[in-house]
Amino acid sequence: QVQLVESGGGLAQPGGSLRLSCAASGFTFSHYVMSWVRQVPGKGLEWVSGISSFGADTYYADSVKGRFTISRDNPKNTLYLQIDTLKPEDTGMYYCAKDRVQLRGGVPPNMVEYDAWGQGTQVTVSS
């Protein structure tokens, strides 16, 4: 069955960096757009970044553009999120999510278009 397992979160200081990973299994990883979505305390889910199935195209929310870098290693079935210049407002649970449609152009337009989610990895930014 489809499985997504995130790792790499933790406690970091403002201005620091973290690299999140998402190990995927149970499906043909290279056929699907993948995204990172976060849940900030007291708020709903926020889409952060997405990457096309072969990694040629990347997409970012305005709030993270220039600080977050999404990438993928298809032979290793792994998705990454490099987070630099961390801010306290980056605190939250970070989830990787799989598109329900194969080889989509662009990113899914809403959360219901994702059909598999990981358990999340917590990122806490505090001095």
C-alpha atoms as a PDB file:
ATOM      1  CA  GLN A   1       0.000   0.000   0.000  1.00  0.00           C
ATOM      2  CA  VAL A   2       0.999   3.609  -0.416  1.00  0.00           C
ATOM      3  CA  GLN A   3       3.188   4.831   2.388  1.00  0.00           C
ATOM      4  CA  LEU A   4       4.810   8.211   3.013  1.00  0.00           C
ATOM      5  CA  VAL A   5       7.180   8.655   5.932  1.00  0.00           C
ATOM      6  CA  GLU A   6       8.546  12.095   6.793  1.00  0.00           C
ATOM      7  CA  SER A   7      11.651  12.789   8.833  1.00  0.00           C
ATOM      8  CA  GLY A   8      14.099  15.572   9.544  1.00  0.00           C
ATOM      9  CA  GLY A   9      12.043  17.913  11.660  1.00  0.00           C
ATOM     10  CA  GLY A  10      13.122  19.209  15.027  1.00  0.00           C
ATOM     11  CA  LEU A  11      13.915  22.282  17.066  1.00  0.00           C
ATOM     12  CA  ALA A  12      15.892  24.983  15.309  1.00  0.00           C
ATOM     13  CA  GLN A  13      16.812  28.590  15.963  1.00  0.00           C
ATOM     14  CA  PRO A  14      15.557  31.478  13.877  1.00  0.00           C
ATOM     15  CA  GLY A  15      17.840  31.888  10.902  1.00  0.00           C
ATOM     16  CA  GLY A  16      18.807  28.241  10.948  1.00  0.00           C
ATOM     17  CA  SER A  17      18.141  25.460   8.481  1.00  0.00           C
ATOM     18  CA  LEU A  18      16.467  22.082   8.349  1.00  0.00           C
ATOM     19  CA  ARG A  19      16.142  19.456   5.652  1.00  0.00           C
ATOM     20  CA  LEU A  20      12.996  17.399   5.625  1.00  0.00           C
ATOM     21  CA  SER A  21      12.728  14.072   3.851  1.00  0.00           C
ATOM     22  CA  CYS A  22       9.786  11.968   2.779  1.00  0.00           C
ATOM     23  CA  ALA A  23      10.345   8.316   1.921  1.00  0.00           C
ATOM     24  CA  ALA A  24       7.696   6.972  -0.436  1.00  0.00           C
ATOM     25  CA  SER A  25       6.679   3.408  -1.193  1.00  0.00           C
ATOM     26  CA  GLY A  26       3.820   1.420  -2.669  1.00  0.00           C
ATOM     27  CA  PHE A  27       3.420   3.406  -5.888  1.00  0.00           C
ATOM     28  CA  THR A  28       5.420   4.575  -8.904  1.00  0.00           C
ATOM     29  CA  PHE A  29       6.921   7.644  -7.289  1.00  0.00           C
ATOM     30  CA  SER A  30       8.168   9.219 -10.521  1.00  0.00           C
ATOM     31  CA  HIS A  31       4.637   9.368 -11.939  1.00  0.00           C
ATOM     32  CA  TYR A  32       3.202  11.772  -9.392  1.00  0.00           C
ATOM     33  CA  VAL A  33       3.428  15.393  -8.401  1.00  0.00           C
ATOM     34  CA  MET A  34       4.407  15.616  -4.754  1.00  0.00           C
ATOM     35  CA  SER A  35       3.879  18.467  -2.335  1.00  0.00           C
ATOM     36  CA  TRP A  36       4.713  19.629   1.137  1.00  0.00           C
ATOM     37  CA  VAL A  37       1.841  20.936   3.240  1.00  0.00           C
ATOM     38  CA  ARG A  38       2.103  22.341   6.751  1.00  0.00           C
ATOM     39  CA  GLN A  39      -0.269  22.888   9.607  1.00  0.00           C
ATOM     40  CA  VAL A  40       0.549  25.845  11.771  1.00  0.00           C
ATOM     41  CA  PRO A  41      -0.862  25.876  15.321  1.00  0.00           C
ATOM     42  CA  GLY A  42      -4.339  27.375  15.350  1.00  0.00           C
ATOM     43  CA  LYS A  43      -4.615  27.445  11.567  1.00  0.00           C
ATOM     44  CA  GLY A  44      -5.630  25.094   8.805  1.00  0.00           C
ATOM     45  CA  LEU A  45      -3.498  23.268   6.307  1.00  0.00           C
ATOM     46  CA  GLU A  46      -1.248  25.440   4.189  1.00  0.00           C
ATOM     47  CA  TRP A  47       0.222  24.228   0.928  1.00  0.00           C
ATOM     48  CA  VAL A  48       3.931  25.110   0.954  1.00  0.00           C
ATOM     49  CA  SER A  49       5.572  23.689  -2.144  1.00  0.00           C
ATOM     50  CA  GLY A  50       5.139  21.215  -4.981  1.00  0.00           C
ATOM     51  CA  ILE A  51       7.311  19.515  -7.558  1.00  0.00           C
ATOM     52  CA  SER A  52       6.477  17.924 -10.885  1.00  0.00           C
ATOM     53  CA  SER A  53       6.806  14.194 -11.361  1.00  0.00           C
ATOM     54  CA  PHE A  54      10.291  14.328 -12.891  1.00  0.00           C
ATOM     55  CA  GLY A  55      11.424  17.333 -10.885  1.00  0.00           C
ATOM     56  CA  ALA A  56      11.648  19.804 -13.739  1.00  0.00           C
ATOM     57  CA  ASP A  57       9.141  22.243 -12.271  1.00  0.00           C
ATOM     58  CA  THR A  58       8.883  23.516  -8.725  1.00  0.00           C
ATOM     59  CA  TYR A  59       6.233  25.654  -7.106  1.00  0.00           C
ATOM     60  CA  TYR A  60       6.197  27.641  -3.857  1.00  0.00           C
ATOM     61  CA  ALA A  61       3.801  29.574  -1.694  1.00  0.00           C
ATOM     62  CA  ASP A  62       4.681  33.256  -1.566  1.00  0.00           C
ATOM     63  CA  SER A  63       5.336  32.974   2.165  1.00  0.00           C
ATOM     64  CA  VAL A  64       8.263  30.601   1.641  1.00  0.00           C
ATOM     65  CA  LYS A  65       9.617  31.609  -1.749  1.00  0.00           C
ATOM     66  CA  GLY A  66      13.354  32.180  -1.612  1.00  0.00           C
ATOM     67  CA  ARG A  67      13.789  30.271   1.660  1.00  0.00           C
ATOM     68  CA  PHE A  68      12.420  26.797   0.853  1.00  0.00           C
ATOM     69  CA  THR A  69      13.727  24.459  -1.826  1.00  0.00           C
ATOM     70  CA  ILE A  70      11.839  21.354  -2.848  1.00  0.00           C
ATOM     71  CA  SER A  71      13.548  18.500  -4.649  1.00  0.00           C
ATOM     72  CA  ARG A  72      13.117  14.815  -5.314  1.00  0.00           C
ATOM     73  CA  ASP A  73      15.286  11.784  -5.997  1.00  0.00           C
ATOM     74  CA  ASN A  74      13.134   9.452  -8.047  1.00  0.00           C
ATOM     75  CA  PRO A  75      15.516   6.449  -8.017  1.00  0.00           C
ATOM     76  CA  LYS A  76      15.479   6.701  -4.199  1.00  0.00           C
ATOM     77  CA  ASN A  77      11.710   7.384  -4.014  1.00  0.00           C
ATOM     78  CA  THR A  78      12.399  10.338  -1.758  1.00  0.00           C
ATOM     79  CA  LEU A  79      11.085  13.885  -1.567  1.00  0.00           C
ATOM     80  CA  TYR A  80      13.001  16.655   0.166  1.00  0.00           C
ATOM     81  CA  LEU A  81      12.354  20.126   1.535  1.00  0.00           C
ATOM     82  CA  GLN A  82      15.331  22.310   2.367  1.00  0.00           C
ATOM     83  CA  ILE A  83      14.279  25.093   4.721  1.00  0.00           C
ATOM     84  CA  ASP A  84      16.688  27.984   5.170  1.00  0.00           C
ATOM     85  CA  THR A  85      16.465  31.231   7.131  1.00  0.00           C
ATOM     86  CA  LEU A  86      13.910  29.693   9.456  1.00  0.00           C
ATOM     87  CA  LYS A  87      11.340  31.984  11.029  1.00  0.00           C
ATOM     88  CA  PRO A  88       9.176  31.376  14.115  1.00  0.00           C
ATOM     89  CA  GLU A  89       6.116  31.380  11.859  1.00  0.00           C
ATOM     90  CA  ASP A  90       7.511  28.304  10.098  1.00  0.00           C
ATOM     91  CA  THR A  91       6.698  26.314  13.239  1.00  0.00           C
ATOM     92  CA  GLY A  92       4.237  23.557  12.472  1.00  0.00           C
ATOM     93  CA  MET A  93       3.707  19.997  11.370  1.00  0.00           C
ATOM     94  CA  TYR A  94       4.989  19.323   7.883  1.00  0.00           C
ATOM     95  CA  TYR A  95       3.376  16.665   5.718  1.00  0.00           C
ATOM     96  CA  CYS A  96       4.281  15.282   2.341  1.00  0.00           C
ATOM     97  CA  ALA A  97       1.350  14.541   0.097  1.00  0.00           C
ATOM     98  CA  LYS A  98       0.835  12.553  -3.105  1.00  0.00           C
ATOM     99  CA  ASP A  99      -1.284  13.758  -6.014  1.00  0.00           C
ATOM    100  CA  ARG A 100      -4.128  11.438  -6.914  1.00  0.00           C
ATOM    101  CA  VAL A 101      -3.579  12.035 -10.663  1.00  0.00           C
ATOM    102  CA  GLN A 102      -0.621  10.637 -12.573  1.00  0.00           C
ATOM    103  CA  LEU A 103       1.644  12.983 -14.522  1.00  0.00           C
ATOM    104  CA  ARG A 104      -0.411  16.089 -13.787  1.00  0.00           C
ATOM    105  CA  GLY A 105       0.726  19.364 -15.280  1.00  0.00           C
ATOM    106  CA  GLY A 106       1.165  21.875 -12.485  1.00  0.00           C
ATOM    107  CA  VAL A 107       0.194  21.229  -8.885  1.00  0.00           C
ATOM    108  CA  PRO A 108      -3.139  19.992  -7.560  1.00  0.00           C
ATOM    109  CA  PRO A 109      -5.529  22.929  -7.166  1.00  0.00           C
ATOM    110  CA  ASN A 110      -6.764  21.968  -3.715  1.00  0.00           C
ATOM    111  CA  MET A 111      -6.168  19.593  -0.816  1.00  0.00           C
ATOM    112  CA  VAL A 112      -8.783  17.053  -1.873  1.00  0.00           C
ATOM    113  CA  GLU A 113      -6.622  16.246  -4.900  1.00  0.00           C
ATOM    114  CA  TYR A 114      -4.072  14.575  -2.641  1.00  0.00           C
ATOM    115  CA  ASP A 115      -4.836  10.935  -1.892  1.00  0.00           C
ATOM    116  CA  ALA A 116      -2.016   9.974   0.446  1.00  0.00           C
ATOM    117  CA  TRP A 117      -0.354  11.789   3.328  1.00  0.00           C
ATOM    118  CA  GLY A 118       2.462  11.008   5.683  1.00  0.00           C
ATOM    119  CA  GLN A 119       2.234  11.181   9.449  1.00  0.00           C
ATOM    120  CA  GLY A 120       4.098  14.483   9.514  1.00  0.00           C
ATOM    121  CA  THR A 121       7.310  15.786  11.016  1.00  0.00           C
ATOM    122  CA  GLN A 122       7.281  18.610  13.547  1.00  0.00           C
ATOM    123  CA  VAL A 123       9.306  21.750  12.932  1.00  0.00           C
ATOM    124  CA  THR A 124       9.728  24.132  15.852  1.00  0.00           C
ATOM    125  CA  VAL A 125      11.573  27.409  15.394  1.00  0.00           C
ATOM    126  CA  SER A 126      12.463  29.105  18.629  1.00  0.00           C
ATOM    127  CA  SER A 127      15.401  30.778  20.292  1.00  0.00           C
END
